[in-house]
């Protein structure tokens, strides 16, 4: 298979599509003012080709912040795209669509991946999707787009998750997740007074969450939102840690980008050697896949901001480009199989 990446910093879809021939699956990354027009124009240009899209930044060797980008797979994939509606209330109502697409595409976790763009309620959505995918051990990579809209096959949807099943006819697929944080000290918290619907964390070990965070890190209210780049929370999940970013201060509580439930066990994380972590990921991918035809990744907005502030983003993209054809988008939350995480990178590699 082959991966195509086209972009236009000025938002010209025609410019972004230059050189694309006979795509078998398309991802559209657009901006909030042109998204719906781009969705319609893309469908007219390539009618019937499975596609999904959302609003967000994209990248290959540079980042497109306000324009448009197109990532497409050609020459050796079978794909099917669709949506699950009502993700805020009842996405399972539409799960038969995914089951039918799995039958249509065929494949298994050896050669097939699910890629998704979601408008919200990610943890519930991923649990729902996984009820179908786990029957064939199909992995998933994706993320949250902006402005509460996604697209599939030329139509725009709200309160939905757009997904695509992509089968590599020429080899394997495998997903990866990169974590650049590790545990800070021996802090261990039991969450309480949570508001699941609004992702609010009220108390830690019976004390106001904001005060606990401030007292440990010696920061002001204003500094909390930038300090989360260095010190997010983590939720233990077996041998893995799901990163939880702080979104805003709500009185004495903290609103997060990921749902926290009463009695969840949380730890405090700190930023590690992110350059070494990136090199470890690249080495592992090269070891697993001596031959690579495509790498599609999702980087968190907070990672993008952190790397940009430290003048590392350009270097990071050059390093990832060493893998071959690498492209991706900047999400507001990252999906890895059945997990919703923050401040991470997830990717899928095609042999």
Protein backbone atom coordinates (compact mmCIF):
# COMPACT_ATOMS: atom_id res chain seq x y z
CA UNK A 1 0.00 0.00 0.00
CA UNK A 2 0.93 3.67 -0.26
CA UNK A 3 0.12 6.66 1.91
CA UNK A 4 -0.52 10.07 0.33
CA UNK A 5 -0.29 13.38 2.17
CA UNK A 6 -1.34 16.67 0.63
CA UNK A 7 -1.81 20.03 2.30
CA UNK A 8 -2.60 23.67 1.77
CA UNK A 9 -1.73 26.27 4.37
CA UNK A 10 -4.26 28.63 2.73
CA UNK A 11 -7.10 26.12 2.82
CA UNK A 12 -7.25 25.19 -0.87
CA UNK A 13 -8.58 21.65 -1.20
CA UNK A 14 -7.54 21.51 -4.86
CA UNK A 15 -3.97 22.27 -3.82
CA UNK A 16 -4.07 19.59 -1.12
CA UNK A 17 -5.37 16.99 -3.58
CA UNK A 18 -2.71 17.56 -6.23
CA UNK A 19 -1.14 14.25 -7.16
CA UNK A 20 -3.76 12.03 -5.53
CA UNK A 21 -4.86 9.26 -7.87
CA UNK A 22 -7.24 6.36 -7.24
CA UNK A 23 -7.50 6.60 -3.44
CA UNK A 24 -9.07 3.69 -1.60
CA UNK A 25 -9.55 5.57 1.70
CA UNK A 26 -9.32 9.30 2.56
CA UNK A 27 -8.99 11.30 5.77
CA UNK A 28 -9.79 15.03 5.69
CA UNK A 29 -8.36 17.46 8.27
CA UNK A 30 -9.83 20.91 7.82
CA UNK A 31 -10.57 24.17 9.64
CA UNK A 32 -13.79 25.37 11.24
CA UNK A 33 -14.71 27.89 8.52
CA UNK A 34 -14.15 25.61 5.51
CA UNK A 35 -14.85 22.15 6.91
CA UNK A 36 -18.34 21.59 5.53
CA UNK A 37 -17.40 22.95 2.11
CA UNK A 38 -14.34 20.75 1.99
CA UNK A 39 -16.38 17.66 2.94
CA UNK A 40 -18.80 18.27 0.08
CA UNK A 41 -16.07 19.08 -2.45
CA UNK A 42 -14.05 16.00 -1.52
CA UNK A 43 -17.03 13.73 -2.09
CA UNK A 44 -17.64 15.30 -5.51
CA UNK A 45 -13.99 14.82 -6.42
CA UNK A 46 -13.85 11.18 -5.30
CA UNK A 47 -17.46 9.93 -5.16
CA UNK A 48 -17.98 6.68 -3.32
CA UNK A 49 -14.46 6.49 -1.87
CA UNK A 50 -14.70 5.76 1.89
CA UNK A 51 -13.73 8.87 3.85
CA UNK A 52 -13.79 10.35 7.33
CA UNK A 53 -12.89 13.85 8.47
CA UNK A 54 -12.77 16.31 11.33
CA UNK A 55 -11.54 19.77 12.23
CA UNK A 56 -7.96 19.88 13.42
CA UNK A 57 -4.34 20.51 12.59
CA UNK A 58 -2.40 17.97 10.57
CA UNK A 59 1.23 17.34 9.80
CA UNK A 60 3.85 15.50 7.84
CA UNK A 61 7.22 17.27 7.98
CA UNK A 62 5.49 20.52 8.96
CA UNK A 63 2.22 21.44 10.67
CA UNK A 64 -0.88 22.82 8.96
CA UNK A 65 -2.61 24.90 11.62
CA UNK A 66 -5.45 26.67 9.78
CA UNK A 67 -5.54 25.22 6.29
CA UNK A 68 -6.47 21.76 5.04
CA UNK A 69 -4.73 18.42 4.84
CA UNK A 70 -5.58 15.13 3.15
CA UNK A 71 -4.19 11.72 4.11
CA UNK A 72 -5.11 8.90 1.75
CA UNK A 73 -4.27 5.22 1.33
CA UNK A 74 -3.87 3.70 -2.11
CA UNK A 75 -2.68 0.54 -3.84
CA UNK A 76 -3.55 -2.30 -1.56
CA UNK A 77 -6.17 -1.51 1.06
CA UNK A 78 -9.82 -2.41 1.53
CA UNK A 79 -11.77 0.13 3.57
CA UNK A 80 -15.25 0.95 4.76
CA UNK A 81 -16.32 4.16 6.55
CA UNK A 82 -19.42 5.01 8.58
CA UNK A 83 -20.67 6.73 11.75
CA UNK A 84 -22.19 5.87 15.10
CA UNK A 85 -24.67 8.59 16.08
CA UNK A 86 -25.86 9.84 19.49
CA UNK A 87 -22.46 9.28 21.09
CA UNK A 88 -23.42 11.44 24.07
CA UNK A 89 -26.32 9.15 24.91
CA UNK A 90 -26.52 5.81 23.07
CA UNK A 91 -23.81 4.97 20.51
CA UNK A 92 -24.48 1.24 21.00
CA UNK A 93 -27.79 1.77 19.17
CA UNK A 94 -25.82 1.89 15.92
CA UNK A 95 -23.25 -0.84 16.55
CA UNK A 96 -24.70 -3.07 13.81
CA UNK A 97 -23.22 -0.63 11.27
CA UNK A 98 -19.74 -1.42 12.54
CA UNK A 99 -20.46 -5.14 12.67
CA UNK A 100 -21.65 -5.06 9.04
CA UNK A 101 -18.55 -3.12 7.98
CA UNK A 102 -16.37 -5.72 9.70
CA UNK A 103 -18.04 -8.44 7.66
CA UNK A 104 -17.59 -6.37 4.50
CA UNK A 105 -13.89 -5.60 5.00
CA UNK A 106 -12.92 -8.92 6.56
CA UNK A 107 -9.53 -9.24 8.16
CA UNK A 108 -8.37 -9.45 11.75
CA UNK A 109 -5.99 -7.76 14.15
CA UNK A 110 -3.13 -9.07 12.02
CA UNK A 111 -3.92 -6.85 9.02
CA UNK A 112 -6.84 -4.54 9.91
CA UNK A 113 -7.20 -1.38 11.98
CA UNK A 114 -10.06 0.90 12.94
CA UNK A 115 -9.37 4.66 12.68
CA UNK A 116 -11.86 7.04 14.29
CA UNK A 117 -12.61 10.76 14.72
CA UNK A 118 -14.98 11.55 17.59
CA UNK A 119 -16.98 14.57 18.80
CA UNK A 120 -16.92 13.63 22.50
CA UNK A 121 -17.90 11.15 25.23
CA UNK A 122 -14.84 9.26 24.07
CA UNK A 123 -14.53 6.69 26.85
CA UNK A 124 -18.10 5.46 26.31
CA UNK A 125 -17.62 5.46 22.53
CA UNK A 126 -14.45 3.39 22.73
CA UNK A 127 -16.06 0.87 25.09
CA UNK A 128 -18.95 0.54 22.63
CA UNK A 129 -16.77 0.15 19.55
CA UNK A 130 -14.55 -2.36 21.32
CA UNK A 131 -17.49 -4.72 21.91
CA UNK A 132 -17.42 -5.33 18.17
CA UNK A 133 -13.70 -4.99 17.39
CA UNK A 134 -12.56 -7.39 20.10
CA UNK A 135 -14.34 -10.27 18.37
CA UNK A 136 -11.54 -10.16 15.78
CA UNK A 137 -8.89 -8.45 17.96
CA UNK A 138 -8.91 -5.44 15.64
CA UNK A 139 -6.92 -2.51 17.12
CA UNK A 140 -8.01 1.13 17.05
CA UNK A 141 -6.27 4.49 16.74
CA UNK A 142 -8.00 7.86 16.62
CA UNK A 143 -8.85 11.01 18.47
CA UNK A 144 -11.20 13.87 19.19
CA UNK A 145 -11.73 16.56 16.56
CA UNK A 146 -12.70 20.17 17.07
CA UNK A 147 -15.99 22.07 17.11
CA UNK A 148 -18.17 19.00 17.71
CA UNK A 149 -18.40 17.90 14.07
CA UNK A 150 -17.06 14.97 12.05
CA UNK A 151 -17.69 13.70 8.55
CA UNK A 152 -18.09 10.35 6.83
CA UNK A 153 -18.58 9.66 3.13
CA UNK A 154 -19.42 13.26 2.24
CA UNK A 155 -21.85 13.97 5.10
CA UNK A 156 -21.27 16.10 8.21
CA UNK A 157 -22.45 14.85 11.60
CA UNK A 158 -22.71 16.21 15.12
CA UNK A 159 -22.71 14.09 18.28
CA UNK A 160 -21.13 11.22 16.38
CA UNK A 161 -18.00 9.18 15.85
CA UNK A 162 -16.78 8.69 12.30
CA UNK A 163 -14.80 5.49 11.83
CA UNK A 164 -13.10 3.55 9.10
CA UNK A 165 -12.01 -0.06 8.98
CA UNK A 166 -8.84 -0.34 6.91
CA UNK A 167 -7.42 -3.70 5.83
CA UNK A 168 -3.85 -3.90 4.58
CA UNK A 169 -3.76 -6.39 1.72
CA UNK A 170 0.03 -6.43 1.61
CA UNK A 171 1.06 -7.11 5.20
CA UNK A 172 0.55 -6.50 8.88
CA UNK A 173 -0.67 -3.58 10.98
CA UNK A 174 0.20 -2.71 14.57
CA UNK A 175 -0.74 0.13 16.94
CA UNK A 176 1.52 1.95 19.40
CA UNK A 177 1.11 4.43 22.24
CA UNK A 178 3.86 6.76 23.43
CA UNK A 179 3.96 8.12 26.98
CA UNK A 180 6.51 10.83 27.84
CA UNK A 181 5.54 11.00 31.54
CA UNK A 182 6.39 8.95 34.62
CA UNK A 183 5.17 8.89 38.20
CA UNK A 184 6.18 11.77 40.45
CA UNK A 185 7.02 10.73 44.00
CA UNK A 186 4.72 8.33 45.80
CA UNK A 187 1.57 10.42 45.59
CA UNK A 188 -1.56 8.29 45.38
CA UNK A 189 -5.07 9.73 45.42
CA UNK A 190 -8.63 8.46 45.66
CA UNK A 191 -10.94 10.64 43.57
CA UNK A 192 -14.31 11.78 44.94
CA UNK A 193 -16.94 14.49 44.43
CA UNK A 194 -16.62 13.93 40.68
CA UNK A 195 -19.00 15.14 37.98
CA UNK A 196 -18.73 12.46 35.30
CA UNK A 197 -20.76 14.36 32.72
CA UNK A 198 -18.50 17.41 32.88
CA UNK A 199 -15.22 15.60 33.64
CA UNK A 200 -14.87 17.45 36.96
CA UNK A 201 -12.55 16.18 39.69
CA UNK A 202 -13.77 17.56 43.01
CA UNK A 203 -11.62 16.02 45.72
CA UNK A 204 -8.45 14.00 46.20
CA UNK A 205 -8.19 11.98 49.39
CA UNK A 206 -11.07 14.04 50.76
CA UNK A 207 -9.44 17.43 50.11
CA UNK A 208 -10.30 19.96 47.36
CA UNK A 209 -8.51 18.86 44.18
CA UNK A 210 -7.27 22.33 43.32
CA UNK A 211 -5.68 22.83 46.73
CA UNK A 212 -3.97 19.43 46.62
CA UNK A 213 -2.46 20.15 43.19
CA UNK A 214 -1.35 23.65 44.21
CA UNK A 215 0.21 22.60 47.50
CA UNK A 216 2.30 19.81 45.93
CA UNK A 217 3.58 21.84 42.99
CA UNK A 218 3.58 25.31 44.60
CA UNK A 219 1.69 26.97 41.77
CA UNK A 220 -0.98 29.67 41.59
CA UNK A 221 -4.46 29.22 40.13
CA UNK A 222 -3.29 30.86 36.91
CA UNK A 223 -0.31 28.53 36.56
CA UNK A 224 -2.32 25.28 36.87
CA UNK A 225 -3.39 25.19 33.21
CA UNK A 226 0.16 25.43 31.89
CA UNK A 227 1.65 23.24 34.61
CA UNK A 228 -0.47 20.35 33.39
CA UNK A 229 1.95 20.16 30.42
CA UNK A 230 4.60 19.06 32.91
CA UNK A 231 2.45 17.48 35.64
CA UNK A 232 -0.79 15.85 34.53
CA UNK A 233 -2.61 13.23 36.57
CA UNK A 234 -2.47 9.56 35.71
CA UNK A 235 -5.05 6.81 36.16
CA UNK A 236 -3.65 3.34 36.74
CA UNK A 237 -4.95 0.79 34.26
CA UNK A 238 -3.26 -2.53 34.94
CA UNK A 239 0.37 -2.10 33.92
CA UNK A 240 -0.47 1.01 31.91
CA UNK A 241 -1.18 4.60 32.92
CA UNK A 242 -3.85 6.73 31.25
CA UNK A 243 -2.84 10.39 31.29
CA UNK A 244 -5.45 12.92 32.46
CA UNK A 245 -4.95 16.57 31.48
CA UNK A 246 -6.37 19.50 33.43
CA UNK A 247 -8.69 21.66 31.34
CA UNK A 248 -9.69 24.44 33.74
CA UNK A 249 -10.19 25.44 37.36
CA UNK A 250 -13.79 25.24 38.61
CA UNK A 251 -13.87 26.83 42.05
CA UNK A 252 -11.96 24.38 44.25
CA UNK A 253 -12.35 21.59 41.69
CA UNK A 254 -10.46 20.77 38.48
CA UNK A 255 -12.16 20.09 35.15
CA UNK A 256 -10.25 17.56 33.05
CA UNK A 257 -10.15 16.44 29.43
CA UNK A 258 -10.92 12.88 30.47
CA UNK A 259 -13.63 11.47 32.70
CA UNK A 260 -12.72 10.75 36.31
CA UNK A 261 -15.01 8.65 38.50
CA UNK A 262 -15.47 8.42 42.25
CA UNK A 263 -13.00 5.93 43.76
CA UNK A 264 -10.63 6.07 40.77
CA UNK A 265 -7.02 5.71 41.89
CA UNK A 266 -4.89 8.56 40.53
CA UNK A 267 -1.20 9.39 40.65
CA UNK A 268 0.73 12.54 39.80
CA UNK A 269 2.98 12.44 36.75
CA UNK A 270 5.97 14.45 35.66
CA UNK A 271 7.53 15.07 32.27
CA UNK A 272 10.39 12.75 31.42
CA UNK A 273 13.02 12.70 28.67
CA UNK A 274 10.65 13.08 25.73
CA UNK A 275 13.42 12.99 23.11
CA UNK A 276 14.56 9.61 24.42
CA UNK A 277 10.95 8.37 24.45
CA UNK A 278 10.52 9.34 20.79
CA UNK A 279 13.72 7.54 19.82
CA UNK A 280 12.59 4.44 21.73
CA UNK A 281 9.31 4.45 19.81
CA UNK A 282 11.10 4.80 16.48
CA UNK A 283 13.51 1.98 17.35
CA UNK A 284 10.65 -0.30 18.41
CA UNK A 285 8.71 0.35 15.19
CA UNK A 286 11.81 -0.31 13.07
CA UNK A 287 12.43 -3.53 14.97
CA UNK A 288 8.84 -4.70 14.53
CA UNK A 289 8.55 -3.51 10.92
CA UNK A 290 11.78 -3.55 8.90
CA UNK A 291 9.63 -2.56 5.91
CA UNK A 292 6.99 0.13 6.42
CA UNK A 293 4.55 1.50 3.87
CA UNK A 294 2.77 4.02 6.11
CA UNK A 295 2.60 5.44 9.62
CA UNK A 296 -0.50 7.38 10.72
CA UNK A 297 -0.33 9.08 14.11
CA UNK A 298 -2.42 11.22 16.47
CA UNK A 299 -0.58 13.71 18.68
CA UNK A 300 -2.28 15.49 21.56
CA UNK A 301 -2.75 19.26 21.32
CA UNK A 302 -0.88 19.59 24.62
CA UNK A 303 2.08 17.62 23.23
CA UNK A 304 2.07 19.92 20.21
CA UNK A 305 2.09 22.98 22.49
CA UNK A 306 4.81 21.53 24.71
CA UNK A 307 7.03 20.55 21.78
CA UNK A 308 6.46 23.91 20.08
CA UNK A 309 7.31 25.90 23.21
CA UNK A 310 10.55 23.93 23.51
CA UNK A 311 11.38 24.32 19.80
CA UNK A 312 11.21 20.55 19.34
CA UNK A 313 8.17 20.10 17.08
CA UNK A 314 10.09 20.51 13.83
CA UNK A 315 12.81 18.14 15.02
CA UNK A 316 10.17 15.64 16.15
CA UNK A 317 8.52 15.56 12.72
CA UNK A 318 11.89 15.13 11.00
CA UNK A 319 12.70 12.21 13.30
CA UNK A 320 9.35 10.55 12.65
CA UNK A 321 9.86 11.08 8.91
CA UNK A 322 12.80 8.69 9.14
CA UNK A 323 10.22 5.91 9.44
CA UNK A 324 9.13 6.60 5.89
CA UNK A 325 5.73 7.99 4.97
CA UNK A 326 4.50 9.44 8.28
CA UNK A 327 1.51 11.78 8.63
CA UNK A 328 -1.14 12.53 11.22
CA UNK A 329 -3.28 15.02 13.03
CA UNK A 330 -3.40 16.93 16.31
CA UNK A 331 -6.29 15.76 18.51
CA UNK A 332 -7.99 16.92 21.69
CA UNK A 333 -7.71 13.42 23.14
CA UNK A 334 -6.16 10.24 21.82
CA UNK A 335 -7.67 6.82 21.28
CA UNK A 336 -5.71 3.61 21.69
CA UNK A 337 -7.72 0.40 21.35
CA UNK A 338 -10.37 0.75 24.09
CA UNK A 339 -8.58 3.54 25.99
CA UNK A 340 -9.08 7.30 25.93
CA UNK A 341 -5.90 9.11 26.94
CA UNK A 342 -4.50 12.66 27.04
CA UNK A 343 -1.07 14.15 26.33
CA UNK A 344 -0.01 11.05 24.37
CA UNK A 345 0.82 9.94 20.86
CA UNK A 346 -0.89 6.95 19.31
CA UNK A 347 -0.16 5.56 15.87
CA UNK A 348 -0.72 2.68 13.50
CA UNK A 349 2.02 1.23 11.34
CA UNK A 350 1.35 -0.55 8.05
CA UNK A 351 3.81 -3.09 6.70
